[in-house]
Amino acid sequence: MLGKLIRVGRAERGLTAQELADRAGISRTTLSSIEKGAPGPEIGTVFEVCALVGLRLFDYEERSLQTHNTRLDEKLALLPKSVRHTMKEVDDDF
């Protein structure tokens, strides 16, 4: 669930996986492992990534975790699969 929260936070901030990995000082592969919930990455690295995406830790009651996890799945289904920056600026002056 923590990996999903990180992925949602990254997407909401418009960061690519490479940008977040660069900011955290880790490889993109390590970030991918963190977002997938793999047990390999060090907990300090995971906490650093959480801080970079503005994720508050230790803030949930046990009873609401299941509901929250379901909502995250729904939210991830609605977000784009990848984040890419547009090459030209949008002229939104009307």
PDB file of N, CA and C in Angstrom:
ATOM      1  N   MET A   1       0.816  -1.179   0.000  1.00  0.00           N
ATOM      2  CA  MET A   1       0.000   0.000   0.000  1.00  0.00           C
ATOM      3  C   MET A   1       0.873   1.261   0.000  1.00  0.00           C
ATOM      4  N   LEU A   2       2.004   1.212   0.686  1.00  0.00           N
ATOM      5  CA  LEU A   2       2.895   2.366   0.727  1.00  0.00           C
ATOM      6  C   LEU A   2       3.418   2.688  -0.670  1.00  0.00           C
ATOM      7  N   GLY A   3       3.732   1.659  -1.441  1.00  0.00           N
ATOM      8  CA  GLY A   3       4.185   1.872  -2.819  1.00  0.00           C
ATOM      9  C   GLY A   3       3.130   2.559  -3.667  1.00  0.00           C
ATOM     10  N   LYS A   4       1.877   2.172  -3.468  1.00  0.00           N
ATOM     11  CA  LYS A   4       0.782   2.802  -4.203  1.00  0.00           C
ATOM     12  C   LYS A   4       0.640   4.267  -3.822  1.00  0.00           C
ATOM     13  N   LEU A   5       0.779   4.552  -2.528  1.00  0.00           N
ATOM     14  CA  LEU A   5       0.696   5.940  -2.068  1.00  0.00           C
ATOM     15  C   LEU A   5       1.808   6.786  -2.679  1.00  0.00           C
ATOM     16  N   ILE A   6       2.994   6.224  -2.766  1.00  0.00           N
ATOM     17  CA  ILE A   6       4.124   6.930  -3.373  1.00  0.00           C
ATOM     18  C   ILE A   6       3.846   7.192  -4.846  1.00  0.00           C
ATOM     19  N   ARG A   7       3.348   6.186  -5.531  1.00  0.00           N
ATOM     20  CA  ARG A   7       3.060   6.332  -6.958  1.00  0.00           C
ATOM     21  C   ARG A   7       1.987   7.399  -7.198  1.00  0.00           C
ATOM     22  N   VAL A   8       0.949   7.402  -6.365  1.00  0.00           N
ATOM     23  CA  VAL A   8      -0.102   8.409  -6.486  1.00  0.00           C
ATOM     24  C   VAL A   8       0.477   9.797  -6.220  1.00  0.00           C
ATOM     25  N   GLY A   9       1.278   9.931  -5.177  1.00  0.00           N
ATOM     26  CA  GLY A   9       1.884  11.217  -4.856  1.00  0.00           C
ATOM     27  C   GLY A   9       2.781  11.725  -5.966  1.00  0.00           C
ATOM     28  N   ARG A  10       3.521  10.827  -6.575  1.00  0.00           N
ATOM     29  CA  ARG A  10       4.401  11.197  -7.699  1.00  0.00           C
ATOM     30  C   ARG A  10       3.577  11.674  -8.881  1.00  0.00           C
ATOM     31  N   ALA A  11       2.527  10.940  -9.194  1.00  0.00           N
ATOM     32  CA  ALA A  11       1.687  11.296 -10.341  1.00  0.00           C
ATOM     33  C   ALA A  11       0.957  12.614 -10.105  1.00  0.00           C
ATOM     34  N   GLU A  12       0.484  12.828  -8.876  1.00  0.00           N
ATOM     35  CA  GLU A  12      -0.221  14.067  -8.566  1.00  0.00           C
ATOM     36  C   GLU A  12       0.699  15.285  -8.658  1.00  0.00           C
ATOM     37  N   ARG A  13       1.967  15.086  -8.421  1.00  0.00           N
ATOM     38  CA  ARG A  13       2.933  16.185  -8.522  1.00  0.00           C
ATOM     39  C   ARG A  13       3.525  16.316  -9.926  1.00  0.00           C
ATOM     40  N   GLY A  14       3.118  15.430 -10.832  1.00  0.00           N
ATOM     41  CA  GLY A  14       3.586  15.507 -12.209  1.00  0.00           C
ATOM     42  C   GLY A  14       5.044  15.140 -12.373  1.00  0.00           C
ATOM     43  N   LEU A  15       5.564  14.308 -11.487  1.00  0.00           N
ATOM     44  CA  LEU A  15       6.962  13.883 -11.566  1.00  0.00           C
ATOM     45  C   LEU A  15       7.073  12.568 -12.322  1.00  0.00           C
ATOM     46  N   THR A  16       8.045  12.481 -13.202  1.00  0.00           N
ATOM     47  CA  THR A  16       8.328  11.201 -13.833  1.00  0.00           C
ATOM     48  C   THR A  16       9.086  10.343 -12.832  1.00  0.00           C
ATOM     49  N   ALA A  17       9.144   9.059 -13.096  1.00  0.00           N
ATOM     50  CA  ALA A  17       9.886   8.155 -12.224  1.00  0.00           C
ATOM     51  C   ALA A  17      11.359   8.556 -12.174  1.00  0.00           C
ATOM     52  N   GLN A  18      11.910   8.958 -13.304  1.00  0.00           N
ATOM     53  CA  GLN A  18      13.316   9.346 -13.347  1.00  0.00           C
ATOM     54  C   GLN A  18      13.571  10.611 -12.537  1.00  0.00           C
ATOM     55  N   GLU A  19      12.664  11.582 -12.616  1.00  0.00           N
ATOM     56  CA  GLU A  19      12.824  12.820 -11.846  1.00  0.00           C
ATOM     57  C   GLU A  19      12.813  12.554 -10.343  1.00  0.00           C
ATOM     58  N   LEU A  20      11.876  11.737  -9.892  1.00  0.00           N
ATOM     59  CA  LEU A  20      11.809  11.416  -8.472  1.00  0.00           C
ATOM     60  C   LEU A  20      13.029  10.615  -8.038  1.00  0.00           C
ATOM     61  N   ALA A  21      13.443   9.678  -8.854  1.00  0.00           N
ATOM     62  CA  ALA A  21      14.634   8.893  -8.529  1.00  0.00           C
ATOM     63  C   ALA A  21      15.869   9.786  -8.420  1.00  0.00           C
ATOM     64  N   ASP A  22      16.004  10.739  -9.337  1.00  0.00           N
ATOM     65  CA  ASP A  22      17.134  11.672  -9.287  1.00  0.00           C
ATOM     66  C   ASP A  22      17.099  12.510  -8.012  1.00  0.00           C
ATOM     67  N   ARG A  23      15.925  12.986  -7.643  1.00  0.00           N
ATOM     68  CA  ARG A  23      15.803  13.796  -6.429  1.00  0.00           C
ATOM     69  C   ARG A  23      16.133  12.987  -5.177  1.00  0.00           C
ATOM     70  N   ALA A  24      15.785  11.703  -5.189  1.00  0.00           N
ATOM     71  CA  ALA A  24      16.049  10.845  -4.035  1.00  0.00           C
ATOM     72  C   ALA A  24      17.473  10.293  -4.043  1.00  0.00           C
ATOM     73  N   GLY A  25      18.162  10.435  -5.169  1.00  0.00           N
ATOM     74  CA  GLY A  25      19.520   9.914  -5.270  1.00  0.00           C
ATOM     75  C   GLY A  25      19.566   8.406  -5.404  1.00  0.00           C
ATOM     76  N   ILE A  26      18.549   7.855  -6.061  1.00  0.00           N
ATOM     77  CA  ILE A  26      18.480   6.404  -6.273  1.00  0.00           C
ATOM     78  C   ILE A  26      18.269   6.131  -7.757  1.00  0.00           C
ATOM     79  N   SER A  27      18.360   4.868  -8.131  1.00  0.00           N
ATOM     80  CA  SER A  27      18.123   4.502  -9.529  1.00  0.00           C
ATOM     81  C   SER A  27      16.623   4.389  -9.781  1.00  0.00           C
ATOM     82  N   ARG A  28      16.273   4.465 -11.042  1.00  0.00           N
ATOM     83  CA  ARG A  28      14.865   4.314 -11.419  1.00  0.00           C
ATOM     84  C   ARG A  28      14.373   2.905 -11.083  1.00  0.00           C
ATOM     85  N   THR A  29      15.255   1.924 -11.176  1.00  0.00           N
ATOM     86  CA  THR A  29      14.910   0.541 -10.835  1.00  0.00           C
ATOM     87  C   THR A  29      14.551   0.423  -9.357  1.00  0.00           C
ATOM     88  N   THR A  30      15.318   1.107  -8.504  1.00  0.00           N
ATOM     89  CA  THR A  30      15.029   1.087  -7.071  1.00  0.00           C
ATOM     90  C   THR A  30      13.681   1.740  -6.797  1.00  0.00           C
ATOM     91  N   LEU A  31      13.404   2.860  -7.458  1.00  0.00           N
ATOM     92  CA  LEU A  31      12.109   3.520  -7.292  1.00  0.00           C
ATOM     93  C   LEU A  31      10.980   2.599  -7.748  1.00  0.00           C
ATOM     94  N   SER A  32      11.180   1.912  -8.846  1.00  0.00           N
ATOM     95  CA  SER A  32      10.173   0.976  -9.331  1.00  0.00           C
ATOM     96  C   SER A  32       9.923  -0.122  -8.293  1.00  0.00           C
ATOM     97  N   SER A  33      10.978  -0.608  -7.672  1.00  0.00           N
ATOM     98  CA  SER A  33      10.837  -1.629  -6.629  1.00  0.00           C
ATOM     99  C   SER A  33      10.048  -1.091  -5.437  1.00  0.00           C
ATOM    100  N   ILE A  34      10.326   0.156  -5.075  1.00  0.00           N
ATOM    101  CA  ILE A  34       9.604   0.778  -3.963  1.00  0.00           C
ATOM    102  C   ILE A  34       8.119   0.898  -4.299  1.00  0.00           C
ATOM    103  N   GLU A  35       7.810   1.375  -5.508  1.00  0.00           N
ATOM    104  CA  GLU A  35       6.408   1.551  -5.900  1.00  0.00           C
ATOM    105  C   GLU A  35       5.675   0.223  -6.026  1.00  0.00           C
ATOM    106  N   LYS A  36       6.392  -0.843  -6.305  1.00  0.00           N
ATOM    107  CA  LYS A  36       5.770  -2.172  -6.399  1.00  0.00           C
ATOM    108  C   LYS A  36       5.663  -2.852  -5.038  1.00  0.00           C
ATOM    109  N   GLY A  37       6.306  -2.261  -4.012  1.00  0.00           N
ATOM    110  CA  GLY A  37       6.235  -2.844  -2.676  1.00  0.00           C
ATOM    111  C   GLY A  37       7.202  -3.980  -2.452  1.00  0.00           C
ATOM    112  N   ALA A  38       8.257  -4.048  -3.249  1.00  0.00           N
ATOM    113  CA  ALA A  38       9.253  -5.101  -3.093  1.00  0.00           C
ATOM    114  C   ALA A  38       9.986  -4.934  -1.763  1.00  0.00           C
ATOM    115  N   PRO A  39      10.394  -6.018  -1.142  1.00  0.00           N
ATOM    116  CA  PRO A  39      11.042  -5.926   0.165  1.00  0.00           C
ATOM    117  C   PRO A  39      12.515  -5.507   0.115  1.00  0.00           C
ATOM    118  N   GLY A  40      13.119  -5.348  -1.030  1.00  0.00           N
ATOM    119  CA  GLY A  40      14.546  -5.086  -1.142  1.00  0.00           C
ATOM    120  C   GLY A  40      15.044  -3.718  -0.720  1.00  0.00           C
ATOM    121  N   PRO A  41      14.382  -2.611  -1.107  1.00  0.00           N
ATOM    122  CA  PRO A  41      14.914  -1.281  -0.786  1.00  0.00           C
ATOM    123  C   PRO A  41      14.981  -1.022   0.726  1.00  0.00           C
ATOM    124  N   GLU A  42      15.986  -0.263   1.126  1.00  0.00           N
ATOM    125  CA  GLU A  42      16.149   0.070   2.537  1.00  0.00           C
ATOM    126  C   GLU A  42      15.016   0.991   2.989  1.00  0.00           C
ATOM    127  N   ILE A  43      14.608   0.844   4.240  1.00  0.00           N
ATOM    128  CA  ILE A  43      13.475   1.611   4.753  1.00  0.00           C
ATOM    129  C   ILE A  43      13.775   3.106   4.766  1.00  0.00           C
ATOM    130  N   GLY A  44      15.016   3.477   5.000  1.00  0.00           N
ATOM    131  CA  GLY A  44      15.384   4.897   4.976  1.00  0.00           C
ATOM    132  C   GLY A  44      15.184   5.499   3.599  1.00  0.00           C
ATOM    133  N   THR A  45      15.497   4.726   2.569  1.00  0.00           N
ATOM    134  CA  THR A  45      15.291   5.181   1.197  1.00  0.00           C
ATOM    135  C   THR A  45      13.805   5.351   0.914  1.00  0.00           C
ATOM    136  N   VAL A  46      13.005   4.410   1.382  1.00  0.00           N
ATOM    137  CA  VAL A  46      11.554   4.491   1.190  1.00  0.00           C
ATOM    138  C   VAL A  46      11.002   5.728   1.899  1.00  0.00           C
ATOM    139  N   PHE A  47      11.460   5.992   3.118  1.00  0.00           N
ATOM    140  CA  PHE A  47      10.997   7.170   3.854  1.00  0.00           C
ATOM    141  C   PHE A  47      11.416   8.459   3.160  1.00  0.00           C
ATOM    142  N   GLU A  48      12.603   8.472   2.567  1.00  0.00           N
ATOM    143  CA  GLU A  48      13.064   9.655   1.832  1.00  0.00           C
ATOM    144  C   GLU A  48      12.155   9.924   0.637  1.00  0.00           C
ATOM    145  N   VAL A  49      11.804   8.886  -0.092  1.00  0.00           N
ATOM    146  CA  VAL A  49      10.903   9.036  -1.239  1.00  0.00           C
ATOM    147  C   VAL A  49       9.531   9.511  -0.769  1.00  0.00           C
ATOM    148  N   CYS A  50       9.060   8.990   0.356  1.00  0.00           N
ATOM    149  CA  CYS A  50       7.777   9.438   0.917  1.00  0.00           C
ATOM    150  C   CYS A  50       7.816  10.934   1.198  1.00  0.00           C
ATOM    151  N   ALA A  51       8.904  11.400   1.787  1.00  0.00           N
ATOM    152  CA  ALA A  51       9.027  12.820   2.104  1.00  0.00           C
ATOM    153  C   ALA A  51       9.021  13.667   0.832  1.00  0.00           C
ATOM    154  N   LEU A  52       9.663  13.181  -0.220  1.00  0.00           N
ATOM    155  CA  LEU A  52       9.743  13.935  -1.469  1.00  0.00           C
ATOM    156  C   LEU A  52       8.391  14.089  -2.162  1.00  0.00           C
ATOM    157  N   VAL A  53       7.505  13.125  -1.984  1.00  0.00           N
ATOM    158  CA  VAL A  53       6.182  13.233  -2.602  1.00  0.00           C
ATOM    159  C   VAL A  53       5.135  13.770  -1.624  1.00  0.00           C
ATOM    160  N   GLY A  54       5.569  14.154  -0.424  1.00  0.00           N
ATOM    161  CA  GLY A  54       4.665  14.754   0.550  1.00  0.00           C
ATOM    162  C   GLY A  54       3.754  13.771   1.247  1.00  0.00           C
ATOM    163  N   LEU A  55       4.181  12.532   1.340  1.00  0.00           N
ATOM    164  CA  LEU A  55       3.360  11.490   1.956  1.00  0.00           C
ATOM    165  C   LEU A  55       3.570  11.491   3.465  1.00  0.00           C
ATOM    166  N   ARG A  56       2.497  11.648   4.204  1.00  0.00           N
ATOM    167  CA  ARG A  56       2.569  11.617   5.665  1.00  0.00           C
ATOM    168  C   ARG A  56       2.513  10.175   6.128  1.00  0.00           C
ATOM    169  N   LEU A  57       3.478   9.789   6.935  1.00  0.00           N
ATOM    170  CA  LEU A  57       3.551   8.414   7.425  1.00  0.00           C
ATOM    171  C   LEU A  57       2.906   8.290   8.801  1.00  0.00           C
ATOM    172  N   PHE A  58       2.493   7.085   9.129  1.00  0.00           N
ATOM    173  CA  PHE A  58       1.955   6.754  10.445  1.00  0.00           C
ATOM    174  C   PHE A  58       0.734   7.598  10.792  1.00  0.00           C
ATOM    175  N   ASP A  59      -0.102   7.819   9.828  1.00  0.00           N
ATOM    176  CA  ASP A  59      -1.235   8.713  10.021  1.00  0.00           C
ATOM    177  C   ASP A  59      -2.582   7.994   9.900  1.00  0.00           C
ATOM    178  N   TYR A  60      -2.593   6.694   9.782  1.00  0.00           N
ATOM    179  CA  TYR A  60      -3.826   5.975   9.499  1.00  0.00           C
ATOM    180  C   TYR A  60      -4.207   5.029  10.634  1.00  0.00           C
ATOM    181  N   GLU A  61      -5.507   4.867  10.839  1.00  0.00           N
ATOM    182  CA  GLU A  61      -6.016   3.890  11.789  1.00  0.00           C
ATOM    183  C   GLU A  61      -6.093   2.542  11.083  1.00  0.00           C
ATOM    184  N   GLU A  62      -5.894   1.483  11.840  1.00  0.00           N
ATOM    185  CA  GLU A  62      -5.888   0.151  11.239  1.00  0.00           C
ATOM    186  C   GLU A  62      -7.202  -0.190  10.557  1.00  0.00           C
ATOM    187  N   ARG A  63      -8.313   0.263  11.136  1.00  0.00           N
ATOM    188  CA  ARG A  63      -9.624  -0.078  10.566  1.00  0.00           C
ATOM    189  C   ARG A  63      -9.835   0.503   9.188  1.00  0.00           C
ATOM    190  N   SER A  64      -9.225   1.655   8.928  1.00  0.00           N
ATOM    191  CA  SER A  64      -9.472   2.309   7.650  1.00  0.00           C
ATOM    192  C   SER A  64      -8.463   1.908   6.564  1.00  0.00           C
ATOM    193  N   LEU A  65      -7.471   1.111   6.895  1.00  0.00           N
ATOM    194  CA  LEU A  65      -6.445   0.760   5.911  1.00  0.00           C
ATOM    195  C   LEU A  65      -7.018   0.005   4.711  1.00  0.00           C
ATOM    196  N   GLN A  66      -7.901  -0.935   4.943  1.00  0.00           N
ATOM    197  CA  GLN A  66      -8.483  -1.711   3.850  1.00  0.00           C
ATOM    198  C   GLN A  66      -9.263  -0.822   2.895  1.00  0.00           C
ATOM    199  N   THR A  67     -10.078   0.067   3.449  1.00  0.00           N
ATOM    200  CA  THR A  67     -10.855   0.989   2.633  1.00  0.00           C
ATOM    201  C   THR A  67      -9.934   1.922   1.855  1.00  0.00           C
ATOM    202  N   HIS A  68      -8.909   2.410   2.531  1.00  0.00           N
ATOM    203  CA  HIS A  68      -7.961   3.317   1.889  1.00  0.00           C
ATOM    204  C   HIS A  68      -7.229   2.625   0.739  1.00  0.00           C
ATOM    205  N   ASN A  69      -6.861   1.374   0.936  1.00  0.00           N
ATOM    206  CA  ASN A  69      -6.171   0.615  -0.107  1.00  0.00           C
ATOM    207  C   ASN A  69      -7.064   0.445  -1.329  1.00  0.00           C
ATOM    208  N   THR A  70      -8.339   0.175  -1.131  1.00  0.00           N
ATOM    209  CA  THR A  70      -9.287   0.051  -2.242  1.00  0.00           C
ATOM    210  C   THR A  70      -9.420   1.363  -2.991  1.00  0.00           C
ATOM    211  N   ARG A  71      -9.501   2.464  -2.259  1.00  0.00           N
ATOM    212  CA  ARG A  71      -9.602   3.781  -2.901  1.00  0.00           C
ATOM    213  C   ARG A  71      -8.350   4.108  -3.707  1.00  0.00           C
ATOM    214  N   LEU A  72      -7.190   3.705  -3.193  1.00  0.00           N
ATOM    215  CA  LEU A  72      -5.952   3.932  -3.943  1.00  0.00           C
ATOM    216  C   LEU A  72      -5.956   3.168  -5.262  1.00  0.00           C
ATOM    217  N   ASP A  73      -6.439   1.928  -5.232  1.00  0.00           N
ATOM    218  CA  ASP A  73      -6.538   1.156  -6.472  1.00  0.00           C
ATOM    219  C   ASP A  73      -7.439   1.863  -7.480  1.00  0.00           C
ATOM    220  N   GLU A  74      -8.552   2.394  -7.008  1.00  0.00           N
ATOM    221  CA  GLU A  74      -9.476   3.110  -7.890  1.00  0.00           C
ATOM    222  C   GLU A  74      -8.827   4.374  -8.449  1.00  0.00           C
ATOM    223  N   LYS A  75      -8.106   5.101  -7.609  1.00  0.00           N
ATOM    224  CA  LYS A  75      -7.457   6.331  -8.035  1.00  0.00           C
ATOM    225  C   LYS A  75      -6.349   6.050  -9.049  1.00  0.00           C
ATOM    226  N   LEU A  76      -5.570   5.000  -8.801  1.00  0.00           N
ATOM    227  CA  LEU A  76      -4.501   4.628  -9.735  1.00  0.00           C
ATOM    228  C   LEU A  76      -5.069   4.222 -11.091  1.00  0.00           C
ATOM    229  N   ALA A  77      -6.248   3.634 -11.089  1.00  0.00           N
ATOM    230  CA  ALA A  77      -6.874   3.243 -12.354  1.00  0.00           C
ATOM    231  C   ALA A  77      -7.257   4.469 -13.181  1.00  0.00           C
ATOM    232  N   LEU A  78      -7.530   5.588 -12.520  1.00  0.00           N
ATOM    233  CA  LEU A  78      -7.934   6.804 -13.228  1.00  0.00           C
ATOM    234  C   LEU A  78      -6.755   7.672 -13.667  1.00  0.00           C
ATOM    235  N   LEU A  79      -5.620   7.552 -12.980  1.00  0.00           N
ATOM    236  CA  LEU A  79      -4.452   8.364 -13.315  1.00  0.00           C
ATOM    237  C   LEU A  79      -3.764   7.827 -14.568  1.00  0.00           C
ATOM    238  N   PRO A  80      -3.046   8.678 -15.273  1.00  0.00           N
ATOM    239  CA  PRO A  80      -2.327   8.195 -16.455  1.00  0.00           C
ATOM    240  C   PRO A  80      -1.254   7.181 -16.055  1.00  0.00           C
ATOM    241  N   LYS A  81      -0.955   6.278 -16.973  1.00  0.00           N
ATOM    242  CA  LYS A  81       0.041   5.245 -16.697  1.00  0.00           C
ATOM    243  C   LYS A  81       1.444   5.816 -16.597  1.00  0.00           C
ATOM    244  N   SER A  82       1.707   6.921 -17.284  1.00  0.00           N
ATOM    245  CA  SER A  82       3.025   7.548 -17.211  1.00  0.00           C
ATOM    246  C   SER A  82       2.861   9.061 -17.247  1.00  0.00           C
ATOM    247  N   VAL A  83       3.887   9.742 -16.776  1.00  0.00           N
ATOM    248  CA  VAL A  83       3.870  11.196 -16.747  1.00  0.00           C
ATOM    249  C   VAL A  83       4.927  11.696 -17.711  1.00  0.00           C
ATOM    250  N   ARG A  84       4.504  12.525 -18.637  1.00  0.00           N
ATOM    251  CA  ARG A  84       5.441  13.106 -19.603  1.00  0.00           C
ATOM    252  C   ARG A  84       5.207  14.599 -19.648  1.00  0.00           C
ATOM    253  N   HIS A  85       6.295  15.331 -19.782  1.00  0.00           N
ATOM    254  CA  HIS A  85       6.182  16.776 -19.883  1.00  0.00           C
ATOM    255  C   HIS A  85       5.905  17.157 -21.327  1.00  0.00           C
ATOM    256  N   THR A  86       5.056  18.160 -21.502  1.00  0.00           N
ATOM    257  CA  THR A  86       4.787  18.632 -22.850  1.00  0.00           C
ATOM    258  C   THR A  86       5.972  19.446 -23.328  1.00  0.00           C
ATOM    259  N   MET A  87       6.223  19.385 -24.607  1.00  0.00           N
ATOM    260  CA  MET A  87       7.381  20.059 -25.172  1.00  0.00           C
ATOM    261  C   MET A  87       7.108  21.541 -25.417  1.00  0.00           C
ATOM    262  N   LYS A  88       5.880  21.923 -25.683  1.00  0.00           N
ATOM    263  CA  LYS A  88       5.605  23.328 -25.917  1.00  0.00           C
ATOM    264  C   LYS A  88       4.620  23.818 -24.861  1.00  0.00           C
ATOM    265  N   GLU A  89       4.745  25.108 -24.542  1.00  0.00           N
ATOM    266  CA  GLU A  89       3.876  25.690 -23.543  1.00  0.00           C
ATOM    267  C   GLU A  89       2.490  25.903 -24.115  1.00  0.00           C
ATOM    268  N   VAL A  90       1.505  25.744 -23.267  1.00  0.00           N
ATOM    269  CA  VAL A  90       0.127  25.922 -23.657  1.00  0.00           C
ATOM    270  C   VAL A  90      -0.234  27.392 -23.480  1.00  0.00           C
ATOM    271  N   ASP A  91      -0.823  27.979 -24.515  1.00  0.00           N
ATOM    272  CA  ASP A  91      -1.282  29.359 -24.438  1.00  0.00           C
ATOM    273  C   ASP A  91      -2.725  29.332 -23.950  1.00  0.00           C
ATOM    274  N   ASP A  92      -2.909  29.632 -22.657  1.00  0.00           N
ATOM    275  CA  ASP A  92      -4.249  29.548 -22.098  1.00  0.00           C
ATOM    276  C   ASP A  92      -4.863  30.925 -21.838  1.00  0.00           C
ATOM    277  N   ASP A  93      -4.343  31.966 -22.490  1.00  0.00           N
ATOM    278  CA  ASP A  93      -4.959  33.287 -22.419  1.00  0.00           C
ATOM    279  C   ASP A  93      -6.128  33.333 -23.391  1.00  0.00           C
ATOM    280  N   PHE A  94      -7.281  33.605 -22.871  1.00  0.00           N
ATOM    281  CA  PHE A  94      -8.468  33.643 -23.717  1.00  0.00           C
ATOM    282  C   PHE A  94      -8.922  35.041 -23.945  1.00  0.00           C
TER     283      PHE A  94
END
